[in-house]
């Protein structure tokens, strides 16, 4: 490592081969070597010794609603990327809604990139959107570097991003499969949602009944059939219903090109604990019962579920009313996702290596960044989080970097304190102190 500019040393470095004492050499923002812990440090290289704190690859969150431009008062690139950095996330991929305009044409993508430039504390990529009337725009967006395309199979909650019916889904999938793209899908069936009881009001049980499991299950079954028909690559967003797991496992065995994510709130919060009127817990599909949660964890362990992402979807506090029918549906989790998942994972016998696989390695692979992100090994970007995994903290909304500090985790005690976060070998946050933005805007690698 004679050319190293920086050496990061820890007794616990998470590498693809396991956790071990190591010294990680960095030059030009790239990892150049992973060496024994006591390797000599070249003259002129700076040494950062983290002792027993864990050095892990920066997390890659592929499901974030930044809402900028147009609804930057809900979040925005400056605050979203600060919150992400504070939580050990070094790369995010922004959803095509709820910004105005949505990322559904190349011109709209360029608008969003201009807004993000200079505001990103971490690296940022972009999803495109698949709408009923923009099939002609999908290939140009792909060529412009979006990482794939998001579609809803039921109403999205914003008028400017209508959902696809089954015929429109088929047309979009045929187009996307033709150029080898990826379709990521909010899978709830609108007919099952329409048939479900719609009580409204503050009772969480009524809201849960309005978003039944069979709405997810039916939509996922239809998506699997369409993906198989076209040989298309598809990804199920924010899986909540454990009843869909056998369908997904069978599809994978049959060779359908399908991957699946779930979210920290489904893995750490349960319907039984949601107070009536507490719409900070509202999301769609909803947080379900503890028995459902147990099966999601089992599916993560056996690989039926591939990865864990936040689906960070904030709004202003006034939209989080006590009526679950009308309150904005979305949970803000960027800054807390690592700690939330680690807290539950350690109770269930999982190690940090599992968490890294779910929240960094596989998410990087999902969007084609696996050669640059998601692991500590030579040739990858020098993106790291330094974690004190056995230290706890109590969630104080006032300490969050999110623009609107509404959180379902308020008052919860979590394991895992992020000491610092590093992007391409530069420390971007440590002990709550941030540098100026150093993130880059990413595009899909052909």
Protein backbone atom coordinates (compact mmCIF):
# COMPACT_ATOMS: atom_id res chain seq x y z
CA UNK A 1 0.00 0.00 0.00
CA UNK A 2 2.93 2.31 -0.71
CA UNK A 3 0.66 4.76 -2.56
CA UNK A 4 -1.88 4.98 0.27
CA UNK A 5 -3.00 8.44 1.34
CA UNK A 6 -5.17 7.14 4.18
CA UNK A 7 -5.25 3.99 6.29
CA UNK A 8 -8.35 3.07 8.30
CA UNK A 9 -7.73 0.51 11.03
CA UNK A 10 -10.18 -1.42 13.20
CA UNK A 11 -10.24 -4.66 15.12
CA UNK A 12 -13.57 -5.34 13.36
CA UNK A 13 -13.71 -4.69 9.62
CA UNK A 14 -16.61 -6.26 7.72
CA UNK A 15 -15.29 -7.65 4.43
CA UNK A 16 -16.82 -10.09 1.93
CA UNK A 17 -14.75 -12.83 3.60
CA UNK A 18 -16.03 -12.02 7.08
CA UNK A 19 -15.26 -9.73 10.00
CA UNK A 20 -11.64 -9.45 11.03
CA UNK A 21 -8.99 -7.03 12.28
CA UNK A 22 -7.69 -5.16 9.25
CA UNK A 23 -6.11 -2.03 7.86
CA UNK A 24 -7.87 -0.55 4.82
CA UNK A 25 -5.69 1.49 2.49
CA UNK A 26 -7.23 4.30 0.44
CA UNK A 27 -5.85 6.36 -2.44
CA UNK A 28 -7.72 8.68 -4.77
CA UNK A 29 -11.02 7.90 -3.06
CA UNK A 30 -10.73 4.17 -3.79
CA UNK A 31 -9.88 1.20 -1.59
CA UNK A 32 -6.48 -0.05 -2.77
CA UNK A 33 -5.83 -2.84 -0.26
CA UNK A 34 -7.26 -4.64 2.77
CA UNK A 35 -4.28 -5.69 4.84
CA UNK A 36 -3.55 -7.24 8.23
CA UNK A 37 -4.36 -5.02 11.18
CA UNK A 38 -0.72 -4.44 12.09
CA UNK A 39 0.52 -3.70 8.55
CA UNK A 40 3.06 -0.87 8.38
CA UNK A 41 1.56 2.51 7.53
CA UNK A 42 3.46 4.22 4.70
CA UNK A 43 5.18 7.47 5.49
CA UNK A 44 2.95 10.31 4.40
CA UNK A 45 -0.29 8.32 4.86
CA UNK A 46 -2.75 9.43 7.52
CA UNK A 47 -3.82 6.76 10.00
CA UNK A 48 -7.34 6.64 11.49
CA UNK A 49 -7.58 3.98 14.18
CA UNK A 50 -11.13 3.16 15.25
CA UNK A 51 -10.19 0.66 17.93
CA UNK A 52 -13.03 -1.83 18.46
CA UNK A 53 -15.65 0.19 16.60
CA UNK A 54 -16.83 -1.63 13.48
CA UNK A 55 -15.77 -0.43 10.03
CA UNK A 56 -18.45 -1.38 7.54
CA UNK A 57 -19.22 -0.38 3.95
CA UNK A 58 -21.45 2.65 3.61
CA UNK A 59 -25.08 1.65 3.20
CA UNK A 60 -26.85 1.94 -0.15
CA UNK A 61 -30.53 2.94 0.17
CA UNK A 62 -32.35 2.42 -3.11
CA UNK A 63 -35.79 3.65 -1.97
CA UNK A 64 -35.88 7.29 -0.89
CA UNK A 65 -38.43 10.03 -1.63
CA UNK A 66 -36.46 13.30 -1.59
CA UNK A 67 -39.45 15.27 -3.00
CA UNK A 68 -37.25 17.91 -4.61
CA UNK A 69 -38.06 20.03 -6.59
CA UNK A 70 -41.68 20.94 -6.00
CA UNK A 71 -42.17 19.59 -2.50
CA UNK A 72 -38.83 20.47 -0.95
CA UNK A 73 -40.73 21.68 2.12
CA UNK A 74 -41.38 17.97 2.71
CA UNK A 75 -37.68 17.09 2.53
CA UNK A 76 -35.12 18.17 -0.13
CA UNK A 77 -31.66 17.00 -1.14
CA UNK A 78 -29.79 18.98 1.51
CA UNK A 79 -31.64 17.55 4.49
CA UNK A 80 -32.25 14.07 3.07
CA UNK A 81 -28.58 13.49 2.35
CA UNK A 82 -27.50 14.90 5.72
CA UNK A 83 -29.90 12.53 7.47
CA UNK A 84 -28.63 9.65 5.38
CA UNK A 85 -25.00 10.47 6.14
CA UNK A 86 -25.76 10.72 9.86
CA UNK A 87 -27.18 7.19 9.66
CA UNK A 88 -24.24 5.61 7.81
CA UNK A 89 -25.80 5.75 4.33
CA UNK A 90 -23.38 6.87 1.59
CA UNK A 91 -25.53 6.31 -1.51
CA UNK A 92 -29.25 6.77 -2.14
CA UNK A 93 -31.45 6.41 -5.20
CA UNK A 94 -34.27 8.94 -5.37
CA UNK A 95 -37.78 7.91 -6.32
CA UNK A 96 -39.47 9.61 -9.29
CA UNK A 97 -42.29 10.99 -7.12
CA UNK A 98 -43.30 13.07 -5.06
CA UNK A 99 -41.26 15.76 -6.74
CA UNK A 100 -42.78 18.23 -9.17
CA UNK A 101 -42.18 17.41 -11.92
CA UNK A 102 -41.91 13.64 -11.47
CA UNK A 103 -38.94 11.94 -13.14
CA UNK A 104 -40.86 10.66 -16.14
CA UNK A 105 -39.02 12.33 -19.03
CA UNK A 106 -35.40 13.17 -19.73
CA UNK A 107 -36.17 16.87 -19.32
CA UNK A 108 -37.64 16.19 -15.89
CA UNK A 109 -34.57 14.12 -14.95
CA UNK A 110 -32.31 17.00 -15.96
CA UNK A 111 -34.40 19.37 -13.83
CA UNK A 112 -33.97 17.14 -10.81
CA UNK A 113 -30.23 16.74 -11.41
CA UNK A 114 -29.80 20.52 -11.60
CA UNK A 115 -31.64 20.92 -8.30
CA UNK A 116 -29.58 18.21 -6.59
CA UNK A 117 -26.21 19.47 -7.80
CA UNK A 118 -24.24 21.00 -4.96
CA UNK A 119 -26.74 19.90 -2.29
CA UNK A 120 -25.85 16.20 -1.97
CA UNK A 121 -23.82 15.20 1.06
CA UNK A 122 -23.73 11.63 -0.27
CA UNK A 123 -23.91 10.06 -3.73
CA UNK A 124 -27.35 10.22 -5.36
CA UNK A 125 -28.85 8.33 -8.27
CA UNK A 126 -32.33 8.48 -9.77
CA UNK A 127 -35.18 6.17 -10.69
CA UNK A 128 -37.44 6.98 -13.62
CA UNK A 129 -41.19 6.56 -13.57
CA UNK A 130 -43.44 4.35 -15.72
CA UNK A 131 -46.83 5.98 -16.37
CA UNK A 132 -49.74 5.00 -18.62
CA UNK A 133 -48.71 7.57 -21.25
CA UNK A 134 -44.90 7.63 -21.19
CA UNK A 135 -43.81 4.34 -22.78
CA UNK A 136 -42.03 6.40 -25.44
CA UNK A 137 -39.95 8.07 -22.73
CA UNK A 138 -38.64 4.91 -21.09
CA UNK A 139 -35.78 4.13 -23.44
CA UNK A 140 -34.52 7.74 -23.49
CA UNK A 141 -34.58 7.80 -19.68
CA UNK A 142 -32.68 4.51 -19.59
CA UNK A 143 -30.09 5.93 -21.97
CA UNK A 144 -29.86 9.06 -19.80
CA UNK A 145 -28.79 6.94 -16.85
CA UNK A 146 -31.76 6.23 -14.56
CA UNK A 147 -31.35 2.98 -12.64
CA UNK A 148 -34.77 1.63 -13.57
CA UNK A 149 -38.45 2.55 -13.52
CA UNK A 150 -41.04 2.70 -10.79
CA UNK A 151 -44.68 1.85 -11.36
CA UNK A 152 -47.75 1.71 -9.14
CA UNK A 153 -50.45 -0.90 -9.62
CA UNK A 154 -52.89 1.10 -7.49
CA UNK A 155 -53.28 4.87 -6.96
CA UNK A 156 -50.03 6.49 -5.86
CA UNK A 157 -51.52 9.23 -3.70
CA UNK A 158 -50.46 12.05 -6.03
CA UNK A 159 -52.35 12.95 -9.20
CA UNK A 160 -49.25 13.53 -11.33
CA UNK A 161 -48.16 9.89 -11.01
CA UNK A 162 -51.09 7.66 -12.11
CA UNK A 163 -50.95 3.89 -11.72
CA UNK A 164 -50.78 1.23 -14.43
CA UNK A 165 -53.58 -1.20 -15.15
CA UNK A 166 -52.60 -4.69 -16.29
CA UNK A 167 -52.58 -3.78 -19.98
CA UNK A 168 -50.44 -0.71 -19.35
CA UNK A 169 -48.13 -2.79 -17.15
CA UNK A 170 -47.69 -5.25 -20.02
CA UNK A 171 -46.79 -2.46 -22.46
CA UNK A 172 -44.27 -0.92 -20.08
CA UNK A 173 -42.74 -4.31 -19.25
CA UNK A 174 -42.41 -5.24 -22.91
CA UNK A 175 -40.59 -1.97 -23.61
CA UNK A 176 -38.32 -2.22 -20.56
CA UNK A 177 -37.48 -5.87 -21.20
CA UNK A 178 -36.51 -4.91 -24.75
CA UNK A 179 -33.58 -2.84 -23.52
CA UNK A 180 -32.73 -4.93 -20.45
CA UNK A 181 -34.08 -2.50 -17.87
CA UNK A 182 -35.58 -2.98 -14.42
CA UNK A 183 -39.15 -2.27 -13.31
CA UNK A 184 -39.70 -1.70 -9.58
CA UNK A 185 -43.29 -2.00 -8.46
CA UNK A 186 -45.60 -0.81 -5.72
CA UNK A 187 -47.72 -3.95 -5.72
CA UNK A 188 -51.23 -3.54 -4.31
CA UNK A 189 -54.27 -4.52 -6.36
CA UNK A 190 -56.76 -1.64 -6.71
CA UNK A 191 -59.81 -3.90 -6.90
CA UNK A 192 -58.99 -5.55 -3.56
CA UNK A 193 -58.37 -2.14 -2.03
CA UNK A 194 -61.73 -0.88 -3.33
CA UNK A 195 -63.47 -3.93 -1.88
CA UNK A 196 -61.89 -3.55 1.56
CA UNK A 197 -63.77 -1.74 4.34
CA UNK A 198 -62.98 1.98 4.36
CA UNK A 199 -63.91 3.26 7.81
CA UNK A 200 -61.57 6.23 8.15
CA UNK A 201 -60.89 7.79 11.53
CA UNK A 202 -58.17 7.32 14.13
CA UNK A 203 -58.31 3.55 14.75
CA UNK A 204 -55.27 1.75 13.39
CA UNK A 205 -57.18 -1.52 13.17
CA UNK A 206 -59.58 0.10 10.70
CA UNK A 207 -56.71 1.38 8.58
CA UNK A 208 -55.04 -2.03 8.59
CA UNK A 209 -58.27 -3.64 7.40
CA UNK A 210 -58.43 -1.13 4.53
CA UNK A 211 -55.09 -2.37 3.11
CA UNK A 212 -55.51 -6.15 3.28
CA UNK A 213 -52.79 -8.67 2.59
CA UNK A 214 -54.65 -10.06 -0.40
CA UNK A 215 -54.24 -6.73 -2.19
CA UNK A 216 -50.48 -7.26 -2.08
CA UNK A 217 -50.68 -10.98 -2.82
CA UNK A 218 -52.89 -10.55 -5.90
CA UNK A 219 -50.77 -7.75 -7.34
CA UNK A 220 -47.55 -9.70 -6.80
CA UNK A 221 -49.03 -12.80 -8.44
CA UNK A 222 -50.00 -10.71 -11.49
CA UNK A 223 -46.55 -9.12 -11.62
CA UNK A 224 -44.87 -12.52 -11.50
CA UNK A 225 -47.04 -13.72 -14.39
CA UNK A 226 -46.25 -10.64 -16.49
CA UNK A 227 -42.52 -10.81 -15.71
CA UNK A 228 -42.45 -14.45 -16.77
CA UNK A 229 -44.37 -13.68 -19.95
CA UNK A 230 -41.87 -11.02 -21.08
CA UNK A 231 -38.71 -12.38 -19.49
CA UNK A 232 -38.51 -9.03 -17.70
CA UNK A 233 -36.56 -8.13 -14.60
CA UNK A 234 -38.84 -6.88 -11.82
CA UNK A 235 -38.47 -5.86 -8.20
CA UNK A 236 -41.20 -5.81 -5.53
CA UNK A 237 -41.07 -2.68 -3.40
CA UNK A 238 -41.73 -2.54 0.37
CA UNK A 239 -43.11 -6.05 0.87
CA UNK A 240 -45.38 -6.12 3.88
CA UNK A 241 -47.56 -9.23 3.44
CA UNK A 242 -45.90 -12.47 4.49
CA UNK A 243 -48.67 -14.33 2.64
CA UNK A 244 -46.93 -13.44 -0.64
CA UNK A 245 -43.68 -15.16 0.34
CA UNK A 246 -44.56 -18.63 -1.06
CA UNK A 247 -45.49 -17.03 -4.41
CA UNK A 248 -42.18 -15.20 -4.52
CA UNK A 249 -40.13 -18.23 -3.50
CA UNK A 250 -41.81 -20.34 -6.19
CA UNK A 251 -41.22 -17.66 -8.82
CA UNK A 252 -37.53 -17.55 -7.97
CA UNK A 253 -37.28 -21.33 -8.20
CA UNK A 254 -38.99 -21.15 -11.60
CA UNK A 255 -36.43 -18.69 -12.90
CA UNK A 256 -38.55 -15.55 -12.89
CA UNK A 257 -36.23 -12.55 -12.67
CA UNK A 258 -37.67 -11.12 -9.48
CA UNK A 259 -36.12 -9.52 -6.41
CA UNK A 260 -37.85 -8.25 -3.29
CA UNK A 261 -37.25 -5.65 -0.62
CA UNK A 262 -38.77 -4.95 2.75
CA UNK A 263 -38.31 -1.99 5.09
CA UNK A 264 -37.14 -1.30 8.64
CA UNK A 265 -40.63 -0.37 9.82
CA UNK A 266 -42.04 -3.75 8.78
CA UNK A 267 -39.17 -5.51 10.56
CA UNK A 268 -39.16 -3.49 13.78
CA UNK A 269 -42.67 -2.12 14.38
CA UNK A 270 -45.90 -4.07 14.75
CA UNK A 271 -49.59 -3.32 14.33
CA UNK A 272 -50.21 -4.28 17.93
CA UNK A 273 -48.12 -1.37 19.21
CA UNK A 274 -49.49 1.41 16.98
CA UNK A 275 -51.59 3.85 19.06
CA UNK A 276 -54.85 5.05 17.63
CA UNK A 277 -54.43 8.40 15.92
CA UNK A 278 -50.64 7.97 15.57
CA UNK A 279 -50.32 8.48 11.83
CA UNK A 280 -46.56 8.75 12.05
CA UNK A 281 -46.91 4.95 11.73
CA UNK A 282 -48.99 5.17 8.54
CA UNK A 283 -47.52 3.75 5.35
CA UNK A 284 -48.84 1.78 2.39
CA UNK A 285 -48.78 -1.16 2.47
CA UNK A 286 -49.19 -1.01 6.24
CA UNK A 287 -47.23 -2.22 9.23
CA UNK A 288 -48.78 -5.59 10.03
CA UNK A 289 -48.98 -7.98 12.99
CA UNK A 290 -46.03 -9.46 14.91
CA UNK A 291 -46.61 -12.96 13.48
CA UNK A 292 -46.35 -11.46 9.98
CA UNK A 293 -43.11 -9.74 11.01
CA UNK A 294 -41.60 -13.04 12.17
CA UNK A 295 -42.16 -14.50 8.70
CA UNK A 296 -40.53 -11.50 7.03
CA UNK A 297 -37.42 -12.07 9.13
CA UNK A 298 -37.43 -15.74 8.20
CA UNK A 299 -37.66 -14.79 4.52
CA UNK A 300 -34.69 -12.44 4.88
CA UNK A 301 -32.70 -15.24 6.44
CA UNK A 302 -33.51 -17.74 3.67
CA UNK A 303 -33.08 -15.27 0.80
CA UNK A 304 -36.70 -15.01 -0.34
CA UNK A 305 -36.44 -11.31 0.54
CA UNK A 306 -33.26 -9.85 -0.91
CA UNK A 307 -32.71 -6.53 0.79
CA UNK A 308 -33.83 -3.85 3.24
CA UNK A 309 -34.38 -0.19 2.30
CA UNK A 310 -36.07 2.70 4.06
CA UNK A 311 -38.87 3.88 1.75
CA UNK A 312 -38.20 7.23 3.43
CA UNK A 313 -41.35 9.17 2.55
CA UNK A 314 -41.73 12.32 4.63
CA UNK A 315 -44.22 15.15 4.61
CA UNK A 316 -44.90 18.24 6.63
CA UNK A 317 -46.22 17.58 10.12
CA UNK A 318 -49.64 19.08 9.38
CA UNK A 319 -50.32 16.27 6.87
CA UNK A 320 -49.89 13.68 9.61
CA UNK A 321 -53.39 14.11 11.02
CA UNK A 322 -55.02 11.68 13.45
CA UNK A 323 -57.31 10.32 10.71
CA UNK A 324 -55.56 7.36 9.12
CA UNK A 325 -57.71 7.62 6.00
CA UNK A 326 -56.61 11.16 5.11
CA UNK A 327 -53.16 11.45 6.75
CA UNK A 328 -50.12 11.31 4.48
CA UNK A 329 -48.81 7.76 4.23
CA UNK A 330 -45.07 7.54 4.67
CA UNK A 331 -42.46 6.87 7.33
CA UNK A 332 -39.27 8.88 7.73
CA UNK A 333 -36.42 6.52 8.47
CA UNK A 334 -33.20 7.55 6.73
CA UNK A 335 -31.17 8.50 9.78
CA UNK A 336 -32.42 5.59 11.91
CA UNK A 337 -32.57 2.67 9.51
CA UNK A 338 -29.24 1.05 10.39
CA UNK A 339 -29.81 1.28 14.12
CA UNK A 340 -33.44 0.13 13.89
CA UNK A 341 -32.63 -2.95 11.82
CA UNK A 342 -29.52 -3.79 13.84
CA UNK A 343 -31.45 -3.56 17.12
CA UNK A 344 -33.99 -6.14 15.97
CA UNK A 345 -31.47 -8.26 14.06
CA UNK A 346 -29.23 -8.78 17.08
CA UNK A 347 -32.23 -9.89 19.14
CA UNK A 348 -33.03 -12.48 16.47
CA UNK A 349 -29.51 -13.88 16.31
CA UNK A 350 -28.27 -12.10 13.19
CA UNK A 351 -24.89 -10.42 12.92
CA UNK A 352 -23.78 -7.16 11.40
CA UNK A 353 -22.52 -9.09 8.38
CA UNK A 354 -26.16 -9.97 7.64
CA UNK A 355 -27.24 -6.35 7.99
CA UNK A 356 -24.47 -5.23 5.63
CA UNK A 357 -25.54 -7.85 3.09
CA UNK A 358 -29.18 -6.70 3.22
CA UNK A 359 -28.60 -2.93 3.35
CA UNK A 360 -25.41 -2.41 1.34
CA UNK A 361 -24.16 -5.30 -0.77
CA UNK A 362 -27.48 -6.46 -2.23
CA UNK A 363 -28.88 -2.97 -2.69
CA UNK A 364 -25.73 -1.98 -4.59
CA UNK A 365 -26.13 -5.09 -6.73
CA UNK A 366 -29.81 -4.28 -7.37
CA UNK A 367 -28.93 -1.04 -9.17
CA UNK A 368 -25.75 -2.23 -10.85
CA UNK A 369 -23.36 -0.47 -8.48
CA UNK A 370 -21.90 -3.69 -7.12
CA UNK A 371 -18.50 -3.07 -8.67
CA UNK A 372 -18.18 0.28 -6.86
CA UNK A 373 -20.31 0.19 -3.72
CA UNK A 374 -21.48 -2.26 -1.08
CA UNK A 375 -18.28 -3.94 0.12
CA UNK A 376 -14.87 -3.26 1.61
CA UNK A 377 -12.49 -4.66 -0.97
CA UNK A 378 -9.91 -3.28 -3.40
CA UNK A 379 -11.30 -1.32 -6.32
CA UNK A 380 -14.47 -0.15 -4.57
CA UNK A 381 -15.24 3.41 -3.53
CA UNK A 382 -13.87 4.18 -0.07
CA UNK A 383 -17.34 4.64 1.43
CA UNK A 384 -17.59 3.62 5.09
CA UNK A 385 -19.60 3.88 8.27
CA UNK A 386 -17.93 3.55 11.66
CA UNK A 387 -20.36 1.97 14.11
CA UNK A 388 -20.34 1.37 17.85
CA UNK A 389 -22.73 -1.60 17.69
CA UNK A 390 -23.17 -2.15 21.42
CA UNK A 391 -23.87 1.45 22.37
CA UNK A 392 -27.47 2.61 22.65
CA UNK A 393 -29.28 5.88 22.18
CA UNK A 394 -32.86 7.02 22.68
CA UNK A 395 -34.46 8.56 19.62
CA UNK A 396 -35.02 12.27 20.09
CA UNK A 397 -36.83 13.81 17.10
CA UNK A 398 -35.03 17.11 17.73
CA UNK A 399 -31.71 15.39 16.97
CA UNK A 400 -32.78 14.20 13.51
CA UNK A 401 -31.52 15.84 10.33
CA UNK A 402 -34.80 15.29 8.45
CA UNK A 403 -36.52 18.53 7.47
CA UNK A 404 -39.74 17.44 9.24
CA UNK A 405 -38.85 15.59 12.40
CA UNK A 406 -41.84 13.31 12.61
CA UNK A 407 -40.84 9.75 13.43
CA UNK A 408 -42.46 6.51 14.49
CA UNK A 409 -39.28 5.72 16.44
CA UNK A 410 -39.53 8.64 18.88
CA UNK A 411 -38.57 7.55 22.40
CA UNK A 412 -37.31 4.12 21.33
CA UNK A 413 -33.91 2.92 22.54
CA UNK A 414 -31.81 1.58 19.68
CA UNK A 415 -28.45 -0.15 19.42
CA UNK A 416 -25.76 1.12 17.08
CA UNK A 417 -24.24 4.61 17.24
CA UNK A 418 -22.76 5.85 13.98
CA UNK A 419 -19.49 7.54 14.96
CA UNK A 420 -18.60 8.80 11.49
CA UNK A 421 -19.39 8.35 7.80
CA UNK A 422 -16.88 8.49 4.96
CA UNK A 423 -17.38 9.12 1.24
CA UNK A 424 -14.53 8.26 -1.12
CA UNK A 425 -12.05 8.45 1.72
CA UNK A 426 -13.27 11.76 3.14
CA UNK A 427 -15.04 11.99 6.48
CA UNK A 428 -18.35 13.71 5.75
CA UNK A 429 -19.88 13.58 9.22
CA UNK A 430 -18.52 12.82 12.67
CA UNK A 431 -20.24 13.34 16.02
CA UNK A 432 -22.93 15.47 14.38
CA UNK A 433 -20.52 17.77 12.53
CA UNK A 434 -20.87 17.83 8.72
CA UNK A 435 -18.56 18.91 5.94
CA UNK A 436 -19.80 20.80 2.92
CA UNK A 437 -21.58 18.53 0.39
CA UNK A 438 -19.21 16.12 -1.35
CA UNK A 439 -21.71 13.78 -3.01
CA UNK A 440 -21.82 13.03 -6.72
CA UNK A 441 -24.81 12.46 -8.98
CA UNK A 442 -24.70 8.88 -10.23
CA UNK A 443 -25.96 7.39 -13.46
CA UNK A 444 -26.46 3.79 -14.44
CA UNK A 445 -23.35 2.19 -15.88
CA UNK A 446 -24.12 0.74 -19.34
